[in-house]
């Protein structure tokens, strides 16, 4: 694991978020390599259990959404359900809410 100090110059909150996410991903990869965990490349398709693990959404919620016709698009292969990763991430991002700064922060 690399514990060297890092100098970071960022200009926006989004830049800070991206830098932190990249650092965390890198640390996770290093840790998995140290522990001997096999790292799978990201799959183009996600099963409901994959979404539950990666995004923290219960599989029952996804099942409910499918039953009432809301939520991200999905495909069936026999009895199995799959979501396209890019489309699911786009669906999650579409619900993003921009917050206004607190009046005292100006």
Protein backbone atom coordinates (compact mmCIF):
# COMPACT_ATOMS: atom_id res chain seq x y z
CA UNK A 1 0.00 0.00 0.00
CA UNK A 2 1.31 3.42 -0.94
CA UNK A 3 1.41 5.78 2.05
CA UNK A 4 3.28 8.60 0.32
CA UNK A 5 1.89 12.09 0.95
CA UNK A 6 -0.14 13.55 -1.87
CA UNK A 7 -0.55 17.22 -2.72
CA UNK A 8 -3.97 17.98 -4.07
CA UNK A 9 -5.08 21.17 -5.79
CA UNK A 10 -8.76 21.28 -6.69
CA UNK A 11 -11.12 24.03 -7.73
CA UNK A 12 -14.63 22.67 -7.27
CA UNK A 13 -16.48 20.30 -4.95
CA UNK A 14 -16.89 17.90 -7.89
CA UNK A 15 -13.09 17.84 -8.31
CA UNK A 16 -12.71 16.99 -4.61
CA UNK A 17 -15.33 14.24 -4.90
CA UNK A 18 -13.60 12.74 -7.97
CA UNK A 19 -10.19 12.84 -6.27
CA UNK A 20 -11.52 11.17 -3.11
CA UNK A 21 -13.36 8.48 -5.09
CA UNK A 22 -10.24 7.71 -7.11
CA UNK A 23 -8.11 7.50 -3.95
CA UNK A 24 -10.60 5.17 -2.29
CA UNK A 25 -10.84 2.94 -5.39
CA UNK A 26 -7.05 2.77 -5.55
CA UNK A 27 -6.79 1.89 -1.86
CA UNK A 28 -9.42 -0.85 -2.26
CA UNK A 29 -7.56 -2.34 -5.22
CA UNK A 30 -4.29 -2.28 -3.23
CA UNK A 31 -5.97 -3.91 -0.24
CA UNK A 32 -7.59 -6.61 -2.35
CA UNK A 33 -4.23 -7.36 -3.98
CA UNK A 34 -2.58 -7.55 -0.55
CA UNK A 35 -5.26 -9.98 0.63
CA UNK A 36 -5.10 -12.05 -2.55
CA UNK A 37 -8.67 -11.29 -3.59
CA UNK A 38 -9.42 -11.84 -7.26
CA UNK A 39 -10.61 -8.61 -8.87
CA UNK A 40 -13.21 -8.99 -11.61
CA UNK A 41 -13.50 -6.32 -14.27
CA UNK A 42 -16.75 -4.40 -14.13
CA UNK A 43 -19.48 -6.27 -15.94
CA UNK A 44 -21.63 -4.59 -18.56
CA UNK A 45 -24.71 -6.17 -16.98
CA UNK A 46 -25.78 -6.28 -13.34
CA UNK A 47 -28.06 -8.78 -11.65
CA UNK A 48 -30.22 -7.46 -8.79
CA UNK A 49 -27.83 -9.01 -6.24
CA UNK A 50 -24.93 -7.10 -7.88
CA UNK A 51 -26.86 -3.85 -7.53
CA UNK A 52 -27.61 -4.66 -3.90
CA UNK A 53 -23.91 -5.17 -3.19
CA UNK A 54 -22.61 -2.23 -5.19
CA UNK A 55 -25.31 0.40 -4.64
CA UNK A 56 -26.95 -0.76 -1.40
CA UNK A 57 -30.45 -1.08 -2.88
CA UNK A 58 -32.37 -4.10 -1.62
CA UNK A 59 -33.27 -6.69 -4.27
CA UNK A 60 -36.88 -6.56 -3.01
CA UNK A 61 -37.02 -2.85 -3.88
CA UNK A 62 -35.88 -3.59 -7.43
CA UNK A 63 -38.46 -6.37 -7.64
CA UNK A 64 -41.18 -3.98 -6.41
CA UNK A 65 -40.14 -1.33 -8.94
CA UNK A 66 -40.38 -3.90 -11.75
CA UNK A 67 -43.84 -5.00 -10.56
CA UNK A 68 -45.26 -1.45 -10.68
CA UNK A 69 -43.40 -0.43 -13.85
CA UNK A 70 -41.00 2.16 -12.45
CA UNK A 71 -37.25 2.28 -12.09
CA UNK A 72 -34.48 1.60 -14.59
CA UNK A 73 -35.00 -0.52 -17.71
CA UNK A 74 -34.14 -4.19 -17.37
CA UNK A 75 -33.91 -7.33 -19.49
CA UNK A 76 -35.03 -10.89 -18.84
CA UNK A 77 -33.08 -13.95 -19.83
CA UNK A 78 -35.40 -16.76 -18.91
CA UNK A 79 -36.30 -16.08 -15.28
CA UNK A 80 -33.18 -14.02 -14.63
CA UNK A 81 -33.22 -10.22 -14.59
CA UNK A 82 -30.35 -8.00 -15.72
CA UNK A 83 -29.76 -4.26 -15.78
CA UNK A 84 -27.25 -2.55 -18.07
CA UNK A 85 -24.64 -0.93 -15.83
CA UNK A 86 -24.47 2.32 -17.83
CA UNK A 87 -28.24 2.67 -17.94
CA UNK A 88 -28.61 1.92 -14.22
CA UNK A 89 -25.94 4.49 -13.33
CA UNK A 90 -27.67 7.01 -15.60
CA UNK A 91 -30.98 6.31 -13.83
CA UNK A 92 -29.36 6.89 -10.44
CA UNK A 93 -27.74 10.12 -11.67
CA UNK A 94 -31.07 11.37 -13.07
CA UNK A 95 -32.41 11.56 -9.51
CA UNK A 96 -29.60 13.85 -8.40
CA UNK A 97 -30.81 16.91 -6.55
CA UNK A 98 -28.73 20.07 -6.53
CA UNK A 99 -28.79 21.79 -3.17
CA UNK A 100 -28.59 25.53 -2.69
CA UNK A 101 -25.87 27.02 -0.49
CA UNK A 102 -26.91 28.07 3.02
CA UNK A 103 -27.76 31.75 3.19
CA UNK A 104 -24.93 32.39 5.66
CA UNK A 105 -22.31 30.85 3.33
CA UNK A 106 -22.27 33.76 0.90
